N, C-alpha and C. Protein backbone atom coordinates (compact mmCIF):
# COMPACT_ATOMS: atom_id res chain seq x y z
N MET A 1 0.82 -1.09 0.10
CA MET A 1 0.00 -0.11 0.01
C MET A 1 0.86 1.37 0.06
N GLY A 2 0.74 2.39 -0.79
CA GLY A 2 1.41 3.42 -0.85
C GLY A 2 0.93 4.11 -2.35
N SER A 3 -0.03 4.09 -2.84
CA SER A 3 -0.28 4.36 -4.07
C SER A 3 -0.90 5.87 -3.89
N SER A 4 -0.09 6.67 -4.92
CA SER A 4 -0.75 8.18 -4.97
C SER A 4 -2.42 8.16 -5.53
N ARG A 5 -2.38 6.95 -6.38
CA ARG A 5 -3.47 7.10 -7.37
C ARG A 5 -4.83 6.86 -6.32
N ALA A 6 -4.50 5.87 -5.11
CA ALA A 6 -5.50 5.56 -4.15
C ALA A 6 -5.76 6.86 -3.59
N HIS A 7 -4.71 7.76 -2.80
CA HIS A 7 -5.10 8.46 -2.45
C HIS A 7 -6.02 9.58 -3.13
N SER A 8 -5.56 9.71 -4.24
CA SER A 8 -6.35 10.69 -5.18
C SER A 8 -7.98 10.27 -5.31
N PHE A 9 -7.67 9.13 -5.52
CA PHE A 9 -9.60 8.80 -5.75
C PHE A 9 -10.08 8.96 -4.27
N PHE A 10 -9.34 8.40 -3.08
CA PHE A 10 -10.21 8.61 -2.23
C PHE A 10 -10.63 10.19 -1.86
N ASP A 11 -9.55 11.14 -2.18
CA ASP A 11 -9.35 12.40 -2.11
C ASP A 11 -10.52 13.06 -3.04
N LEU A 12 -10.73 12.33 -3.93
CA LEU A 12 -11.84 12.90 -4.87
C LEU A 12 -13.35 12.72 -3.94
N VAL A 13 -13.33 11.63 -3.67
CA VAL A 13 -14.59 10.58 -3.04
C VAL A 13 -14.75 11.62 -1.64
N GLY A 14 -13.65 11.96 -0.87
CA GLY A 14 -14.36 12.82 0.47
C GLY A 14 -15.06 14.34 -0.03
N ALA A 15 -14.25 14.67 -1.39
CA ALA A 15 -14.65 15.88 -1.73
C ALA A 15 -15.88 16.01 -1.78
N LYS A 16 -16.36 14.97 -2.77
CA LYS A 16 -18.06 14.75 -3.42
C LYS A 16 -19.12 14.76 -2.17
N CYS A 17 -18.28 13.94 -1.04
CA CYS A 17 -19.12 13.58 0.06
C CYS A 17 -19.16 15.00 1.16
N ARG A 18 -17.98 15.51 1.07
CA ARG A 18 -18.28 17.00 1.96
C ARG A 18 -18.92 17.79 1.13
N ALA A 19 -19.21 17.79 -0.12
CA ALA A 19 -20.16 18.90 -0.98
C ALA A 19 -21.60 18.29 -0.75
N HIS A 20 -21.94 16.81 -0.17
CA HIS A 20 -23.15 16.68 -0.05
C HIS A 20 -23.34 16.63 1.36
N GLY A 21 -22.52 16.89 2.13
CA GLY A 21 -22.55 17.47 3.57
C GLY A 21 -22.26 15.80 4.70
N VAL A 22 -21.63 15.16 4.13
CA VAL A 22 -21.11 13.91 4.45
C VAL A 22 -19.86 13.92 5.15
N ARG A 23 -19.62 13.28 6.21
CA ARG A 23 -18.29 13.15 6.72
C ARG A 23 -17.77 12.04 6.77
N VAL A 24 -16.67 11.82 6.18
CA VAL A 24 -15.72 10.40 6.14
C VAL A 24 -14.76 10.55 7.15
N SER A 25 -14.33 9.68 7.86
CA SER A 25 -13.30 9.67 9.00
C SER A 25 -12.10 8.75 7.90
């Protein structure tokens, strides 16, 4: 584990969740 791609993917998902008002830990 240690892929920048995975990090970016989660970052994008987190941003979308934030837009919806969902908090992800």
